[in-house]
Amino acid sequence: MLRNGLEPWHLLILGIVVIMLFGSKKLPESARALGQSLRILKSETKAMRDEDAAPGAAPGRTAPAQPSAPAQPSAPEGGTGA
């Protein structure tokens, strides 16, 4: 009786239910947002792979500057300072 879980008419009914629930206006907006999110994810993973492949040579990144030794406060010339 259960030879195939998803037959083509199941997918058709599922598509009709989704369109009825979300409306035809929301579906293109959702697909556009999903596509943009996937593009961002793809570019970020590529940047991470490039960064791992060449550490220290990533474009647009500079090595942090080494902080100089903090200035020591000088003692007052008057001696006691009070």
C-alpha atoms as a PDB file:
ATOM      1  CA  MET A   1       0.000   0.000   0.000  1.00  0.00           C
ATOM      2  CA  LEU A   2       2.829   2.416   0.765  1.00  0.00           C
ATOM      3  CA  ARG A   3       5.115   1.936  -2.210  1.00  0.00           C
ATOM      4  CA  ASN A   4       6.249   5.569  -2.602  1.00  0.00           C
ATOM      5  CA  GLY A   5       6.109   8.251   0.082  1.00  0.00           C
ATOM      6  CA  LEU A   6       5.889  11.279  -2.232  1.00  0.00           C
ATOM      7  CA  GLU A   7       4.078  11.047  -5.504  1.00  0.00           C
ATOM      8  CA  PRO A   8       3.712  13.983  -7.917  1.00  0.00           C
ATOM      9  CA  TRP A   9       0.154  14.747  -6.846  1.00  0.00           C
ATOM     10  CA  HIS A  10       1.316  15.024  -3.211  1.00  0.00           C
ATOM     11  CA  LEU A  11       3.716  17.768  -4.254  1.00  0.00           C
ATOM     12  CA  LEU A  12       0.961  19.521  -6.213  1.00  0.00           C
ATOM     13  CA  ILE A  13      -1.353  19.542  -3.198  1.00  0.00           C
ATOM     14  CA  LEU A  14       1.485  20.727  -0.973  1.00  0.00           C
ATOM     15  CA  GLY A  15       2.230  23.593  -3.389  1.00  0.00           C
ATOM     16  CA  ILE A  16      -1.428  24.668  -3.425  1.00  0.00           C
ATOM     17  CA  VAL A  17      -1.593  24.636   0.378  1.00  0.00           C
ATOM     18  CA  VAL A  18       1.594  26.723   0.656  1.00  0.00           C
ATOM     19  CA  ILE A  19       0.252  29.296  -1.817  1.00  0.00           C
ATOM     20  CA  MET A  20      -3.033  29.477   0.070  1.00  0.00           C
ATOM     21  CA  LEU A  21      -1.322  29.896   3.442  1.00  0.00           C
ATOM     22  CA  PHE A  22       1.329  32.464   2.523  1.00  0.00           C
ATOM     23  CA  GLY A  23      -0.297  34.187  -0.419  1.00  0.00           C
ATOM     24  CA  SER A  24       1.141  34.798  -3.840  1.00  0.00           C
ATOM     25  CA  LYS A  25       2.676  38.132  -2.791  1.00  0.00           C
ATOM     26  CA  LYS A  26       4.741  36.773   0.114  1.00  0.00           C
ATOM     27  CA  LEU A  27       6.299  33.855  -1.783  1.00  0.00           C
ATOM     28  CA  PRO A  28       8.488  35.916  -4.189  1.00  0.00           C
ATOM     29  CA  GLU A  29       9.616  38.153  -1.327  1.00  0.00           C
ATOM     30  CA  SER A  30      10.542  35.118   0.750  1.00  0.00           C
ATOM     31  CA  ALA A  31      12.394  33.506  -2.149  1.00  0.00           C
ATOM     32  CA  ARG A  32      14.310  36.743  -2.790  1.00  0.00           C
ATOM     33  CA  ALA A  33      15.307  37.022   0.874  1.00  0.00           C
ATOM     34  CA  LEU A  34      16.365  33.384   0.947  1.00  0.00           C
ATOM     35  CA  GLY A  35      18.482  33.842  -2.179  1.00  0.00           C
ATOM     36  CA  GLN A  36      20.162  36.925  -0.744  1.00  0.00           C
ATOM     37  CA  SER A  37      20.907  35.100   2.506  1.00  0.00           C
ATOM     38  CA  LEU A  38      22.441  32.185   0.595  1.00  0.00           C
ATOM     39  CA  ARG A  39      24.621  34.601  -1.440  1.00  0.00           C
ATOM     40  CA  ILE A  40      25.883  36.228   1.769  1.00  0.00           C
ATOM     41  CA  LEU A  41      26.569  32.837   3.339  1.00  0.00           C
ATOM     42  CA  LYS A  42      28.458  31.690   0.245  1.00  0.00           C
ATOM     43  CA  SER A  43      30.631  34.818   0.140  1.00  0.00           C
ATOM     44  CA  GLU A  44      31.411  34.596   3.849  1.00  0.00           C
ATOM     45  CA  THR A  45      32.414  30.926   3.661  1.00  0.00           C
ATOM     46  CA  LYS A  46      34.623  31.701   0.654  1.00  0.00           C
ATOM     47  CA  ALA A  47      36.282  34.531   2.582  1.00  0.00           C
ATOM     48  CA  MET A  48      36.881  32.215   5.552  1.00  0.00           C
ATOM     49  CA  ARG A  49      38.407  29.563   3.261  1.00  0.00           C
ATOM     50  CA  ASP A  50      40.671  32.156   1.636  1.00  0.00           C
ATOM     51  CA  GLU A  51      41.697  33.443   5.054  1.00  0.00           C
ATOM     52  CA  ASP A  52      42.595  29.922   6.214  1.00  0.00           C
ATOM     53  CA  ALA A  53      44.560  29.227   3.032  1.00  0.00           C
ATOM     54  CA  ALA A  54      46.788  32.297   3.400  1.00  0.00           C
ATOM     55  CA  PRO A  55      46.932  33.489   7.015  1.00  0.00           C
ATOM     56  CA  GLY A  56      48.278  36.997   7.362  1.00  0.00           C
ATOM     57  CA  ALA A  57      47.834  37.724   3.658  1.00  0.00           C
ATOM     58  CA  ALA A  58      44.088  38.307   3.646  1.00  0.00           C
ATOM     59  CA  PRO A  59      43.175  41.316   1.492  1.00  0.00           C
ATOM     60  CA  GLY A  60      41.864  44.342   3.300  1.00  0.00           C
ATOM     61  CA  ARG A  61      43.172  43.219   6.659  1.00  0.00           C
ATOM     62  CA  THR A  62      46.172  44.710   8.385  1.00  0.00           C
ATOM     63  CA  ALA A  63      48.104  43.322  11.275  1.00  0.00           C
ATOM     64  CA  PRO A  64      47.273  45.061  14.548  1.00  0.00           C
ATOM     65  CA  ALA A  65      49.870  47.623  15.562  1.00  0.00           C
ATOM     66  CA  GLN A  66      52.040  46.710  18.511  1.00  0.00           C
ATOM     67  CA  PRO A  67      51.229  49.042  21.391  1.00  0.00           C
ATOM     68  CA  SER A  68      54.153  51.064  22.632  1.00  0.00           C
ATOM     69  CA  ALA A  69      55.200  50.905  26.266  1.00  0.00           C
ATOM     70  CA  PRO A  70      52.888  53.069  28.391  1.00  0.00           C
ATOM     71  CA  ALA A  71      54.443  56.322  29.525  1.00  0.00           C
ATOM     72  CA  GLN A  72      55.547  56.274  33.149  1.00  0.00           C
ATOM     73  CA  PRO A  73      54.431  59.284  35.178  1.00  0.00           C
ATOM     74  CA  SER A  74      57.418  61.370  36.153  1.00  0.00           C
ATOM     75  CA  ALA A  75      58.092  62.327  39.764  1.00  0.00           C
ATOM     76  CA  PRO A  76      57.444  65.957  40.650  1.00  0.00           C
ATOM     77  CA  GLU A  77      60.557  68.127  40.667  1.00  0.00           C
ATOM     78  CA  GLY A  78      59.786  69.666  44.064  1.00  0.00           C
ATOM     79  CA  GLY A  79      60.646  66.489  45.911  1.00  0.00           C
ATOM     80  CA  THR A  80      57.752  65.760  48.279  1.00  0.00           C
ATOM     81  CA  GLY A  81      54.890  66.679  45.973  1.00  0.00           C
ATOM     82  CA  ALA A  82      52.646  67.829  48.835  1.00  0.00           C
END
